[in-house]
Amino acid sequence: MFRTKKVNIQQAKIKLIQEKIFLLVKEMLKVGVDIHMAPRSGRYFLVDKENQVSIEISTSKIRIANHKFTYSENLPLTFIEKVETEVKNAMESRAEKLKKELFRNEVELLDFILKSFVKETE
């Protein structure tokens, strides 16, 4: 009987840790921290230089560090994948914004070149 309660408490603690980590990742992504990826290892890094907080997401654990402390937690793969999905979605969203900006610049460049030719032919 006591053993069951101990296991339930441990599971509740792990669930709470996962919720806090997930919320932290979402909030960091929301404010626009730097996102880096190591392609060979598949690790992701979120870096908030202003608050001196960084998160490393690997296939088996998440490590959170600030200028004084480091916290590392081995977590289930399903949770890691959920966090990675959030990071990938943020990266994709930023890439789309960049693509739109680059395309807008291309159109402006073409307009500028076209106007220079139109002036010459008049």
PDB file of N, CA and C in Angstrom:
ATOM      1  N   MET A   1       0.804  -1.193   0.000  1.00  0.00           N
ATOM      2  CA  MET A   1       0.000   0.000   0.000  1.00  0.00           C
ATOM      3  C   MET A   1       0.853   1.265   0.000  1.00  0.00           C
ATOM      4  N   PHE A   2       1.856   1.310   0.852  1.00  0.00           N
ATOM      5  CA  PHE A   2       2.732   2.485   0.887  1.00  0.00           C
ATOM      6  C   PHE A   2       3.555   2.591  -0.386  1.00  0.00           C
ATOM      7  N   ARG A   3       3.930   1.461  -0.922  1.00  0.00           N
ATOM      8  CA  ARG A   3       4.736   1.460  -2.136  1.00  0.00           C
ATOM      9  C   ARG A   3       3.977   2.096  -3.298  1.00  0.00           C
ATOM     10  N   THR A   4       2.701   1.840  -3.421  1.00  0.00           N
ATOM     11  CA  THR A   4       1.888   2.421  -4.484  1.00  0.00           C
ATOM     12  C   THR A   4       1.838   3.935  -4.364  1.00  0.00           C
ATOM     13  N   LYS A   5       1.659   4.441  -3.168  1.00  0.00           N
ATOM     14  CA  LYS A   5       1.624   5.884  -2.975  1.00  0.00           C
ATOM     15  C   LYS A   5       2.962   6.510  -3.344  1.00  0.00           C
ATOM     16  N   LYS A   6       4.058   5.848  -2.986  1.00  0.00           N
ATOM     17  CA  LYS A   6       5.388   6.379  -3.306  1.00  0.00           C
ATOM     18  C   LYS A   6       5.568   6.475  -4.816  1.00  0.00           C
ATOM     19  N   VAL A   7       5.143   5.450  -5.528  1.00  0.00           N
ATOM     20  CA  VAL A   7       5.252   5.453  -6.987  1.00  0.00           C
ATOM     21  C   VAL A   7       4.375   6.562  -7.562  1.00  0.00           C
ATOM     22  N   ASN A   8       3.171   6.728  -7.053  1.00  0.00           N
ATOM     23  CA  ASN A   8       2.275   7.764  -7.545  1.00  0.00           C
ATOM     24  C   ASN A   8       2.846   9.157  -7.302  1.00  0.00           C
ATOM     25  N   ILE A   9       3.476   9.346  -6.151  1.00  0.00           N
ATOM     26  CA  ILE A   9       4.109  10.635  -5.857  1.00  0.00           C
ATOM     27  C   ILE A   9       5.248  10.891  -6.832  1.00  0.00           C
ATOM     28  N   GLN A  10       6.057   9.869  -7.094  1.00  0.00           N
ATOM     29  CA  GLN A  10       7.172  10.014  -8.034  1.00  0.00           C
ATOM     30  C   GLN A  10       6.649  10.326  -9.435  1.00  0.00           C
ATOM     31  N   GLN A  11       5.596   9.656  -9.863  1.00  0.00           N
ATOM     32  CA  GLN A  11       5.017   9.912 -11.181  1.00  0.00           C
ATOM     33  C   GLN A  11       4.447  11.330 -11.263  1.00  0.00           C
ATOM     34  N   ALA A  12       3.817  11.772 -10.187  1.00  0.00           N
ATOM     35  CA  ALA A  12       3.278  13.126 -10.150  1.00  0.00           C
ATOM     36  C   ALA A  12       4.400  14.153 -10.232  1.00  0.00           C
ATOM     37  N   LYS A  13       5.506  13.865  -9.562  1.00  0.00           N
ATOM     38  CA  LYS A  13       6.664  14.772  -9.594  1.00  0.00           C
ATOM     39  C   LYS A  13       7.225  14.859 -11.015  1.00  0.00           C
ATOM     40  N   ILE A  14       7.373  13.729 -11.679  1.00  0.00           N
ATOM     41  CA  ILE A  14       7.897  13.710 -13.052  1.00  0.00           C
ATOM     42  C   ILE A  14       6.950  14.467 -13.990  1.00  0.00           C
ATOM     43  N   LYS A  15       5.652  14.265 -13.810  1.00  0.00           N
ATOM     44  CA  LYS A  15       4.665  14.961 -14.646  1.00  0.00           C
ATOM     45  C   LYS A  15       4.756  16.471 -14.433  1.00  0.00           C
ATOM     46  N   LEU A  16       4.903  16.901 -13.194  1.00  0.00           N
ATOM     47  CA  LEU A  16       5.023  18.321 -12.889  1.00  0.00           C
ATOM     48  C   LEU A  16       6.299  18.913 -13.503  1.00  0.00           C
ATOM     49  N   ILE A  17       7.392  18.179 -13.409  1.00  0.00           N
ATOM     50  CA  ILE A  17       8.657  18.624 -14.019  1.00  0.00           C
ATOM     51  C   ILE A  17       8.486  18.782 -15.523  1.00  0.00           C
ATOM     52  N   GLN A  18       7.841  17.811 -16.155  1.00  0.00           N
ATOM     53  CA  GLN A  18       7.621  17.889 -17.594  1.00  0.00           C
ATOM     54  C   GLN A  18       6.759  19.093 -17.963  1.00  0.00           C
ATOM     55  N   GLU A  19       5.728  19.341 -17.193  1.00  0.00           N
ATOM     56  CA  GLU A  19       4.872  20.491 -17.467  1.00  0.00           C
ATOM     57  C   GLU A  19       5.646  21.798 -17.354  1.00  0.00           C
ATOM     58  N   LYS A  20       6.485  21.908 -16.332  1.00  0.00           N
ATOM     59  CA  LYS A  20       7.269  23.138 -16.128  1.00  0.00           C
ATOM     60  C   LYS A  20       8.271  23.325 -17.262  1.00  0.00           C
ATOM     61  N   ILE A  21       8.936  22.254 -17.657  1.00  0.00           N
ATOM     62  CA  ILE A  21       9.920  22.344 -18.741  1.00  0.00           C
ATOM     63  C   ILE A  21       9.219  22.726 -20.046  1.00  0.00           C
ATOM     64  N   PHE A  22       8.097  22.097 -20.334  1.00  0.00           N
ATOM     65  CA  PHE A  22       7.367  22.398 -21.563  1.00  0.00           C
ATOM     66  C   PHE A  22       6.916  23.853 -21.587  1.00  0.00           C
ATOM     67  N   LEU A  23       6.406  24.326 -20.470  1.00  0.00           N
ATOM     68  CA  LEU A  23       5.981  25.721 -20.376  1.00  0.00           C
ATOM     69  C   LEU A  23       7.164  26.669 -20.575  1.00  0.00           C
ATOM     70  N   LEU A  24       8.304  26.349 -19.985  1.00  0.00           N
ATOM     71  CA  LEU A  24       9.500  27.179 -20.146  1.00  0.00           C
ATOM     72  C   LEU A  24       9.924  27.246 -21.610  1.00  0.00           C
ATOM     73  N   VAL A  25       9.943  26.104 -22.273  1.00  0.00           N
ATOM     74  CA  VAL A  25      10.322  26.071 -23.685  1.00  0.00           C
ATOM     75  C   VAL A  25       9.354  26.920 -24.517  1.00  0.00           C
ATOM     76  N   LYS A  26       8.048  26.743 -24.292  1.00  0.00           N
ATOM     77  CA  LYS A  26       7.059  27.517 -25.048  1.00  0.00           C
ATOM     78  C   LYS A  26       7.213  29.018 -24.815  1.00  0.00           C
ATOM     79  N   GLU A  27       7.446  29.407 -23.578  1.00  0.00           N
ATOM     80  CA  GLU A  27       7.591  30.834 -23.274  1.00  0.00           C
ATOM     81  C   GLU A  27       8.864  31.395 -23.901  1.00  0.00           C
ATOM     82  N   MET A  28       9.948  30.627 -23.865  1.00  0.00           N
ATOM     83  CA  MET A  28      11.185  31.094 -24.490  1.00  0.00           C
ATOM     84  C   MET A  28      11.001  31.252 -25.997  1.00  0.00           C
ATOM     85  N   LEU A  29      10.310  30.304 -26.620  1.00  0.00           N
ATOM     86  CA  LEU A  29      10.069  30.399 -28.058  1.00  0.00           C
ATOM     87  C   LEU A  29       9.164  31.574 -28.381  1.00  0.00           C
ATOM     88  N   LYS A  30       8.220  31.850 -27.518  1.00  0.00           N
ATOM     89  CA  LYS A  30       7.277  32.950 -27.730  1.00  0.00           C
ATOM     90  C   LYS A  30       7.986  34.303 -27.746  1.00  0.00           C
ATOM     91  N   VAL A  31       9.010  34.474 -26.886  1.00  0.00           N
ATOM     92  CA  VAL A  31       9.703  35.764 -26.836  1.00  0.00           C
ATOM     93  C   VAL A  31      10.808  35.873 -27.879  1.00  0.00           C
ATOM     94  N   GLY A  32      11.038  34.801 -28.627  1.00  0.00           N
ATOM     95  CA  GLY A  32      11.966  34.896 -29.749  1.00  0.00           C
ATOM     96  C   GLY A  32      13.426  34.661 -29.425  1.00  0.00           C
ATOM     97  N   VAL A  33      13.719  33.710 -28.546  1.00  0.00           N
ATOM     98  CA  VAL A  33      15.119  33.410 -28.237  1.00  0.00           C
ATOM     99  C   VAL A  33      15.801  32.798 -29.459  1.00  0.00           C
ATOM    100  N   ASP A  34      17.119  32.771 -29.432  1.00  0.00           N
ATOM    101  CA  ASP A  34      17.879  32.153 -30.517  1.00  0.00           C
ATOM    102  C   ASP A  34      17.674  30.646 -30.479  1.00  0.00           C
ATOM    103  N   ILE A  35      17.500  30.053 -31.659  1.00  0.00           N
ATOM    104  CA  ILE A  35      17.368  28.600 -31.779  1.00  0.00           C
ATOM    105  C   ILE A  35      18.514  28.106 -32.652  1.00  0.00           C
ATOM    106  N   HIS A  36      19.205  27.101 -32.156  1.00  0.00           N
ATOM    107  CA  HIS A  36      20.298  26.487 -32.913  1.00  0.00           C
ATOM    108  C   HIS A  36      20.064  24.981 -32.956  1.00  0.00           C
ATOM    109  N   MET A  37      20.544  24.359 -34.032  1.00  0.00           N
ATOM    110  CA  MET A  37      20.422  22.915 -34.150  1.00  0.00           C
ATOM    111  C   MET A  37      21.755  22.333 -34.575  1.00  0.00           C
ATOM    112  N   ALA A  38      22.118  21.235 -33.942  1.00  0.00           N
ATOM    113  CA  ALA A  38      23.303  20.488 -34.348  1.00  0.00           C
ATOM    114  C   ALA A  38      22.805  19.342 -35.241  1.00  0.00           C
ATOM    115  N   PRO A  39      22.993  19.443 -36.558  1.00  0.00           N
ATOM    116  CA  PRO A  39      22.389  18.482 -37.484  1.00  0.00           C
ATOM    117  C   PRO A  39      22.818  17.026 -37.273  1.00  0.00           C
ATOM    118  N   ARG A  40      24.067  16.794 -36.980  1.00  0.00           N
ATOM    119  CA  ARG A  40      24.531  15.412 -36.828  1.00  0.00           C
ATOM    120  C   ARG A  40      23.961  14.749 -35.582  1.00  0.00           C
ATOM    121  N   SER A  41      23.959  15.458 -34.484  1.00  0.00           N
ATOM    122  CA  SER A  41      23.491  14.862 -33.230  1.00  0.00           C
ATOM    123  C   SER A  41      21.992  15.041 -33.026  1.00  0.00           C
ATOM    124  N   GLY A  42      21.371  15.957 -33.784  1.00  0.00           N
ATOM    125  CA  GLY A  42      19.951  16.202 -33.639  1.00  0.00           C
ATOM    126  C   GLY A  42      19.589  16.974 -32.381  1.00  0.00           C
ATOM    127  N   ARG A  43      20.576  17.619 -31.771  1.00  0.00           N
ATOM    128  CA  ARG A  43      20.307  18.400 -30.558  1.00  0.00           C
ATOM    129  C   ARG A  43      19.849  19.800 -30.939  1.00  0.00           C
ATOM    130  N   TYR A  44      18.993  20.345 -30.083  1.00  0.00           N
ATOM    131  CA  TYR A  44      18.508  21.703 -30.256  1.00  0.00           C
ATOM    132  C   TYR A  44      18.954  22.535 -29.065  1.00  0.00           C
ATOM    133  N   PHE A  45      19.228  23.802 -29.327  1.00  0.00           N
ATOM    134  CA  PHE A  45      19.644  24.714 -28.273  1.00  0.00           C
ATOM    135  C   PHE A  45      18.795  25.973 -28.340  1.00  0.00           C
ATOM    136  N   LEU A  46      18.232  26.349 -27.221  1.00  0.00           N
ATOM    137  CA  LEU A  46      17.520  27.619 -27.093  1.00  0.00           C
ATOM    138  C   LEU A  46      18.386  28.504 -26.222  1.00  0.00           C
ATOM    139  N   VAL A  47      18.688  29.701 -26.709  1.00  0.00           N
ATOM    140  CA  VAL A  47      19.607  30.584 -25.991  1.00  0.00           C
ATOM    141  C   VAL A  47      18.954  31.940 -25.799  1.00  0.00           C
ATOM    142  N   ASP A  48      18.796  32.326 -24.557  1.00  0.00           N
ATOM    143  CA  ASP A  48      18.286  33.645 -24.195  1.00  0.00           C
ATOM    144  C   ASP A  48      19.448  34.420 -23.578  1.00  0.00           C
ATOM    145  N   LYS A  49      20.130  35.192 -24.401  1.00  0.00           N
ATOM    146  CA  LYS A  49      21.309  35.924 -23.934  1.00  0.00           C
ATOM    147  C   LYS A  49      20.950  36.983 -22.898  1.00  0.00           C
ATOM    148  N   GLU A  50      19.805  37.615 -23.063  1.00  0.00           N
ATOM    149  CA  GLU A  50      19.407  38.676 -22.144  1.00  0.00           C
ATOM    150  C   GLU A  50      19.229  38.151 -20.717  1.00  0.00           C
ATOM    151  N   ASN A  51      18.572  37.020 -20.578  1.00  0.00           N
ATOM    152  CA  ASN A  51      18.333  36.443 -19.251  1.00  0.00           C
ATOM    153  C   ASN A  51      19.365  35.394 -18.860  1.00  0.00           C
ATOM    154  N   GLN A  52      20.319  35.149 -19.743  1.00  0.00           N
ATOM    155  CA  GLN A  52      21.395  34.188 -19.512  1.00  0.00           C
ATOM    156  C   GLN A  52      20.860  32.799 -19.181  1.00  0.00           C
ATOM    157  N   VAL A  53      19.902  32.353 -19.988  1.00  0.00           N
ATOM    158  CA  VAL A  53      19.316  31.026 -19.809  1.00  0.00           C
ATOM    159  C   VAL A  53      19.449  30.274 -21.127  1.00  0.00           C
ATOM    160  N   SER A  54      19.848  29.009 -21.032  1.00  0.00           N
ATOM    161  CA  SER A  54      19.922  28.193 -22.233  1.00  0.00           C
ATOM    162  C   SER A  54      19.352  26.810 -21.943  1.00  0.00           C
ATOM    163  N   ILE A  55      18.812  26.211 -22.993  1.00  0.00           N
ATOM    164  CA  ILE A  55      18.244  24.871 -22.891  1.00  0.00           C
ATOM    165  C   ILE A  55      18.837  24.022 -24.009  1.00  0.00           C
ATOM    166  N   GLU A  56      19.293  22.843 -23.646  1.00  0.00           N
ATOM    167  CA  GLU A  56      19.759  21.864 -24.624  1.00  0.00           C
ATOM    168  C   GLU A  56      18.766  20.716 -24.631  1.00  0.00           C
ATOM    169  N   ILE A  57      18.300  20.370 -25.821  1.00  0.00           N
ATOM    170  CA  ILE A  57      17.345  19.274 -25.971  1.00  0.00           C
ATOM    171  C   ILE A  57      18.033  18.181 -26.778  1.00  0.00           C
ATOM    172  N   SER A  58      18.272  17.040 -26.157  1.00  0.00           N
ATOM    173  CA  SER A  58      18.865  15.906 -26.869  1.00  0.00           C
ATOM    174  C   SER A  58      17.842  14.777 -26.898  1.00  0.00           C
ATOM    175  N   THR A  59      18.218  13.638 -27.419  1.00  0.00           N
ATOM    176  CA  THR A  59      17.260  12.545 -27.580  1.00  0.00           C
ATOM    177  C   THR A  59      16.871  11.881 -26.266  1.00  0.00           C
ATOM    178  N   SER A  60      17.622  12.110 -25.200  1.00  0.00           N
ATOM    179  CA  SER A  60      17.304  11.430 -23.950  1.00  0.00           C
ATOM    180  C   SER A  60      17.122  12.360 -22.761  1.00  0.00           C
ATOM    181  N   LYS A  61      17.569  13.606 -22.896  1.00  0.00           N
ATOM    182  CA  LYS A  61      17.445  14.497 -21.740  1.00  0.00           C
ATOM    183  C   LYS A  61      17.341  15.943 -22.164  1.00  0.00           C
ATOM    184  N   ILE A  62      16.932  16.749 -21.220  1.00  0.00           N
ATOM    185  CA  ILE A  62      16.882  18.196 -21.402  1.00  0.00           C
ATOM    186  C   ILE A  62      17.740  18.806 -20.312  1.00  0.00           C
ATOM    187  N   ARG A  63      18.594  19.727 -20.739  1.00  0.00           N
ATOM    188  CA  ARG A  63      19.469  20.398 -19.783  1.00  0.00           C
ATOM    189  C   ARG A  63      19.191  21.891 -19.835  1.00  0.00           C
ATOM    190  N   ILE A  64      18.965  22.467 -18.657  1.00  0.00           N
ATOM    191  CA  ILE A  64      18.666  23.889 -18.541  1.00  0.00           C
ATOM    192  C   ILE A  64      19.771  24.527 -17.714  1.00  0.00           C
ATOM    193  N   ALA A  65      20.280  25.660 -18.188  1.00  0.00           N
ATOM    194  CA  ALA A  65      21.378  26.306 -17.469  1.00  0.00           C
ATOM    195  C   ALA A  65      21.190  27.816 -17.474  1.00  0.00           C
ATOM    196  N   ASN A  66      21.629  28.429 -16.399  1.00  0.00           N
ATOM    197  CA  ASN A  66      21.766  29.877 -16.375  1.00  0.00           C
ATOM    198  C   ASN A  66      23.217  30.174 -16.021  1.00  0.00           C
ATOM    199  N   HIS A  67      23.528  31.388 -15.644  1.00  0.00           N
ATOM    200  CA  HIS A  67      24.919  31.749 -15.401  1.00  0.00           C
ATOM    201  C   HIS A  67      25.493  31.107 -14.135  1.00  0.00           C
ATOM    202  N   LYS A  68      24.648  30.495 -13.290  1.00  0.00           N
ATOM    203  CA  LYS A  68      25.129  29.872 -12.050  1.00  0.00           C
ATOM    204  C   LYS A  68      24.862  28.386 -11.955  1.00  0.00           C
ATOM    205  N   PHE A  69      23.726  27.935 -12.455  1.00  0.00           N
ATOM    206  CA  PHE A  69      23.290  26.571 -12.201  1.00  0.00           C
ATOM    207  C   PHE A  69      22.958  25.836 -13.488  1.00  0.00           C
ATOM    208  N   THR A  70      23.023  24.505 -13.390  1.00  0.00           N
ATOM    209  CA  THR A  70      22.614  23.631 -14.484  1.00  0.00           C
ATOM    210  C   THR A  70      21.668  22.581 -13.930  1.00  0.00           C
ATOM    211  N   TYR A  71      20.575  22.363 -14.649  1.00  0.00           N
ATOM    212  CA  TYR A  71      19.609  21.343 -14.267  1.00  0.00           C
ATOM    213  C   TYR A  71      19.476  20.393 -15.440  1.00  0.00           C
ATOM    214  N   SER A  72      19.618  19.108 -15.183  1.00  0.00           N
ATOM    215  CA  SER A  72      19.531  18.113 -16.241  1.00  0.00           C
ATOM    216  C   SER A  72      18.558  17.029 -15.810  1.00  0.00           C
ATOM    217  N   GLU A  73      17.715  16.609 -16.750  1.00  0.00           N
ATOM    218  CA  GLU A  73      16.696  15.600 -16.420  1.00  0.00           C
ATOM    219  C   GLU A  73      16.556  14.632 -17.579  1.00  0.00           C
ATOM    220  N   ASN A  74      16.718  13.328 -17.282  1.00  0.00           N
ATOM    221  CA  ASN A  74      16.424  12.304 -18.279  1.00  0.00           C
ATOM    222  C   ASN A  74      14.916  12.163 -18.348  1.00  0.00           C
ATOM    223  N   LEU A  75      14.387  12.241 -19.566  1.00  0.00           N
ATOM    224  CA  LEU A  75      12.941  12.256 -19.743  1.00  0.00           C
ATOM    225  C   LEU A  75      12.523  11.244 -20.800  1.00  0.00           C
ATOM    226  N   PRO A  76      11.261  10.821 -20.763  1.00  0.00           N
ATOM    227  CA  PRO A  76      10.780   9.854 -21.758  1.00  0.00           C
ATOM    228  C   PRO A  76      10.862  10.421 -23.174  1.00  0.00           C
ATOM    229  N   LEU A  77      11.102   9.531 -24.110  1.00  0.00           N
ATOM    230  CA  LEU A  77      11.235   9.932 -25.515  1.00  0.00           C
ATOM    231  C   LEU A  77       9.978  10.638 -26.013  1.00  0.00           C
ATOM    232  N   THR A  78       8.820  10.213 -25.575  1.00  0.00           N
ATOM    233  CA  THR A  78       7.576  10.858 -26.025  1.00  0.00           C
ATOM    234  C   THR A  78       7.541  12.329 -25.617  1.00  0.00           C
ATOM    235  N   PHE A  79       8.038  12.622 -24.433  1.00  0.00           N
ATOM    236  CA  PHE A  79       8.072  14.020 -23.992  1.00  0.00           C
ATOM    237  C   PHE A  79       9.115  14.809 -24.780  1.00  0.00           C
ATOM    238  N   ILE A  80      10.285  14.219 -24.979  1.00  0.00           N
ATOM    239  CA  ILE A  80      11.342  14.889 -25.758  1.00  0.00           C
ATOM    240  C   ILE A  80      10.814  15.218 -27.157  1.00  0.00           C
ATOM    241  N   GLU A  81      10.123  14.268 -27.766  1.00  0.00           N
ATOM    242  CA  GLU A  81       9.578  14.495 -29.110  1.00  0.00           C
ATOM    243  C   GLU A  81       8.538  15.623 -29.109  1.00  0.00           C
ATOM    244  N   LYS A  82       7.754  15.712 -28.055  1.00  0.00           N
ATOM    245  CA  LYS A  82       6.765  16.790 -27.939  1.00  0.00           C
ATOM    246  C   LYS A  82       7.463  18.148 -27.878  1.00  0.00           C
ATOM    247  N   VAL A  83       8.547  18.230 -27.105  1.00  0.00           N
ATOM    248  CA  VAL A  83       9.312  19.476 -26.996  1.00  0.00           C
ATOM    249  C   VAL A  83       9.986  19.793 -28.326  1.00  0.00           C
ATOM    250  N   GLU A  84      10.570  18.789 -28.954  1.00  0.00           N
ATOM    251  CA  GLU A  84      11.218  18.997 -30.253  1.00  0.00           C
ATOM    252  C   GLU A  84      10.216  19.511 -31.286  1.00  0.00           C
ATOM    253  N   THR A  85       9.005  19.012 -31.260  1.00  0.00           N
ATOM    254  CA  THR A  85       7.971  19.464 -32.195  1.00  0.00           C
ATOM    255  C   THR A  85       7.694  20.950 -32.010  1.00  0.00           C
ATOM    256  N   GLU A  86       7.630  21.403 -30.773  1.00  0.00           N
ATOM    257  CA  GLU A  86       7.430  22.838 -30.509  1.00  0.00           C
ATOM    258  C   GLU A  86       8.577  23.658 -31.095  1.00  0.00           C
ATOM    259  N   VAL A  87       9.806  23.179 -30.890  1.00  0.00           N
ATOM    260  CA  VAL A  87      10.981  23.897 -31.390  1.00  0.00           C
ATOM    261  C   VAL A  87      10.980  23.899 -32.914  1.00  0.00           C
ATOM    262  N   LYS A  88      10.701  22.756 -33.515  1.00  0.00           N
ATOM    263  CA  LYS A  88      10.667  22.670 -34.977  1.00  0.00           C
ATOM    264  C   LYS A  88       9.593  23.581 -35.562  1.00  0.00           C
ATOM    265  N   ASN A  89       8.434  23.624 -34.922  1.00  0.00           N
ATOM    266  CA  ASN A  89       7.364  24.510 -35.393  1.00  0.00           C
ATOM    267  C   ASN A  89       7.799  25.972 -35.329  1.00  0.00           C
ATOM    268  N   ALA A  90       8.484  26.355 -34.259  1.00  0.00           N
ATOM    269  CA  ALA A  90       8.975  27.728 -34.132  1.00  0.00           C
ATOM    270  C   ALA A  90      10.020  28.021 -35.213  1.00  0.00           C
ATOM    271  N   MET A  91      10.899  27.058 -35.465  1.00  0.00           N
ATOM    272  CA  MET A  91      11.912  27.241 -36.503  1.00  0.00           C
ATOM    273  C   MET A  91      11.255  27.391 -37.869  1.00  0.00           C
ATOM    274  N   GLU A  92      10.253  26.576 -38.134  1.00  0.00           N
ATOM    275  CA  GLU A  92       9.553  26.626 -39.417  1.00  0.00           C
ATOM    276  C   GLU A  92       8.841  27.962 -39.594  1.00  0.00           C
ATOM    277  N   SER A  93       8.217  28.435 -38.529  1.00  0.00           N
ATOM    278  CA  SER A  93       7.521  29.722 -38.573  1.00  0.00           C
ATOM    279  C   SER A  93       8.503  30.854 -38.870  1.00  0.00           C
ATOM    280  N   ARG A  94       9.645  30.823 -38.226  1.00  0.00           N
ATOM    281  CA  ARG A  94      10.663  31.851 -38.471  1.00  0.00           C
ATOM    282  C   ARG A  94      11.202  31.765 -39.893  1.00  0.00           C
ATOM    283  N   ALA A  95      11.351  30.543 -40.400  1.00  0.00           N
ATOM    284  CA  ALA A  95      11.834  30.374 -41.770  1.00  0.00           C
ATOM    285  C   ALA A  95      10.830  30.933 -42.771  1.00  0.00           C
ATOM    286  N   GLU A  96       9.546  30.736 -42.523  1.00  0.00           N
ATOM    287  CA  GLU A  96       8.514  31.279 -43.404  1.00  0.00           C
ATOM    288  C   GLU A  96       8.538  32.810 -43.405  1.00  0.00           C
ATOM    289  N   LYS A  97       8.699  33.400 -42.226  1.00  0.00           N
ATOM    290  CA  LYS A  97       8.787  34.865 -42.144  1.00  0.00           C
ATOM    291  C   LYS A  97       9.994  35.370 -42.921  1.00  0.00           C
ATOM    292  N   LEU A  98      11.110  34.676 -42.787  1.00  0.00           N
ATOM    293  CA  LEU A  98      12.324  35.062 -43.512  1.00  0.00           C
ATOM    294  C   LEU A  98      12.106  34.929 -45.015  1.00  0.00           C
ATOM    295  N   LYS A  99      11.475  33.843 -45.422  1.00  0.00           N
ATOM    296  CA  LYS A  99      11.210  33.627 -46.845  1.00  0.00           C
ATOM    297  C   LYS A  99      10.344  34.748 -47.414  1.00  0.00           C
ATOM    298  N   LYS A 100       9.303  35.129 -46.670  1.00  0.00           N
ATOM    299  CA  LYS A 100       8.431  36.214 -47.132  1.00  0.00           C
ATOM    300  C   LYS A 100       9.198  37.530 -47.236  1.00  0.00           C
ATOM    301  N   GLU A 101      10.065  37.793 -46.273  1.00  0.00           N
ATOM    302  CA  GLU A 101      10.859  39.016 -46.297  1.00  0.00           C
ATOM    303  C   GLU A 101      11.815  39.015 -47.490  1.00  0.00           C
ATOM    304  N   LEU A 102      12.454  37.886 -47.722  1.00  0.00           N
ATOM    305  CA  LEU A 102      13.372  37.797 -48.862  1.00  0.00           C
ATOM    306  C   LEU A 102      12.619  37.964 -50.172  1.00  0.00           C
ATOM    307  N   PHE A 103      11.444  37.347 -50.269  1.00  0.00           N
ATOM    308  CA  PHE A 103      10.655  37.466 -51.496  1.00  0.00           C
ATOM    309  C   PHE A 103      10.204  38.900 -51.705  1.00  0.00           C
ATOM    310  N   ARG A 104       9.810  39.569 -50.633  1.00  0.00           N
ATOM    311  CA  ARG A 104       9.401  40.969 -50.744  1.00  0.00           C
ATOM    312  C   ARG A 104      10.564  41.805 -51.256  1.00  0.00           C
ATOM    313  N   ASN A 105      11.759  41.522 -50.749  1.00  0.00           N
ATOM    314  CA  ASN A 105      12.939  42.253 -51.200  1.00  0.00           C
ATOM    315  C   ASN A 105      13.232  41.986 -52.671  1.00  0.00           C
ATOM    316  N   GLU A 106      13.006  40.765 -53.115  1.00  0.00           N
ATOM    317  CA  GLU A 106      13.218  40.440 -54.530  1.00  0.00           C
ATOM    318  C   GLU A 106      12.272  41.246 -55.408  1.00  0.00           C
ATOM    319  N   VAL A 107      11.016  41.340 -54.994  1.00  0.00           N
ATOM    320  CA  VAL A 107      10.023  42.093 -55.765  1.00  0.00           C
ATOM    321  C   VAL A 107      10.412  43.572 -55.803  1.00  0.00           C
ATOM    322  N   GLU A 108      10.836  44.112 -54.674  1.00  0.00           N
ATOM    323  CA  GLU A 108      11.271  45.513 -54.642  1.00  0.00           C
ATOM    324  C   GLU A 108      12.472  45.730 -55.556  1.00  0.00           C
ATOM    325  N   LEU A 109      13.396  44.780 -55.577  1.00  0.00           N
ATOM    326  CA  LEU A 109      14.563  44.883 -56.451  1.00  0.00           C
ATOM    327  C   LEU A 109      14.130  44.886 -57.917  1.00  0.00           C
ATOM    328  N   LEU A 110      13.242  43.992 -58.264  1.00  0.00           N
ATOM    329  CA  LEU A 110      12.768  43.943 -59.648  1.00  0.00           C
ATOM    330  C   LEU A 110      12.038  45.223 -60.029  1.00  0.00           C
ATOM    331  N   ASP A 111      11.229  45.750 -59.107  1.00  0.00           N
ATOM    332  CA  ASP A 111      10.554  47.027 -59.373  1.00  0.00           C
ATOM    333  C   ASP A 111      11.567  48.145 -59.608  1.00  0.00           C
ATOM    334  N   PHE A 112      12.599  48.188 -58.806  1.00  0.00           N
ATOM    335  CA  PHE A 112      13.639  49.215 -58.939  1.00  0.00           C
ATOM    336  C   PHE A 112      14.334  49.106 -60.294  1.00  0.00           C
ATOM    337  N   ILE A 113      14.687  47.887 -60.671  1.00  0.00           N
ATOM    338  CA  ILE A 113      15.365  47.680 -61.955  1.00  0.00           C
ATOM    339  C   ILE A 113      14.424  48.044 -63.109  1.00  0.00           C
ATOM    340  N   LEU A 114      13.189  47.628 -63.000  1.00  0.00           N
ATOM    341  CA  LEU A 114      12.207  47.929 -64.037  1.00  0.00           C
ATOM    342  C   LEU A 114      12.019  49.434 -64.193  1.00  0.00           C
ATOM    343  N   LYS A 115      11.924  50.147 -63.091  1.00  0.00           N
ATOM    344  CA  LYS A 115      11.763  51.603 -63.152  1.00  0.00           C
ATOM    345  C   LYS A 115      12.963  52.269 -63.824  1.00  0.00           C
ATOM    346  N   SER A 116      14.155  51.731 -63.583  1.00  0.00           N
ATOM    347  CA  SER A 116      15.339  52.335 -64.217  1.00  0.00           C
ATOM    348  C   SER A 116      15.301  52.135 -65.732  1.00  0.00           C
ATOM    349  N   PHE A 117      14.770  51.011 -66.192  1.00  0.00           N
ATOM    350  CA  PHE A 117      14.645  50.785 -67.621  1.00  0.00           C
ATOM    351  C   PHE A 117      13.527  51.624 -68.220  1.00  0.00           C
ATOM    352  N   VAL A 118      12.440  51.774 -67.503  1.00  0.00           N
ATOM    353  CA  VAL A 118      11.311  52.549 -68.009  1.00  0.00           C
ATOM    354  C   VAL A 118      11.727  54.004 -68.176  1.00  0.00           C
ATOM    355  N   LYS A 119      12.520  54.534 -67.251  1.00  0.00           N
ATOM    356  CA  LYS A 119      12.990  55.928 -67.341  1.00  0.00           C
ATOM    357  C   LYS A 119      13.897  56.110 -68.535  1.00  0.00           C
ATOM    358  N   GLU A 120      14.739  55.084 -68.814  1.00  0.00           N
ATOM    359  CA  GLU A 120      15.675  55.191 -69.926  1.00  0.00           C
ATOM    360  C   GLU A 120      14.973  55.180 -71.271  1.00  0.00           C
ATOM    361  N   THR A 121      13.868  54.457 -71.380  1.00  0.00           N
ATOM    362  CA  THR A 121      13.161  54.351 -72.651  1.00  0.00           C
ATOM    363  C   THR A 121      12.231  55.515 -72.916  1.00  0.00           C
ATOM    364  N   GLU A 122      11.916  56.318 -71.909  1.00  0.00           N
ATOM    365  CA  GLU A 122      11.006  57.459 -72.106  1.00  0.00           C
ATOM    366  C   GLU A 122      11.658  58.618 -72.763  1.00  0.00           C
TER     367      GLU A 122
END
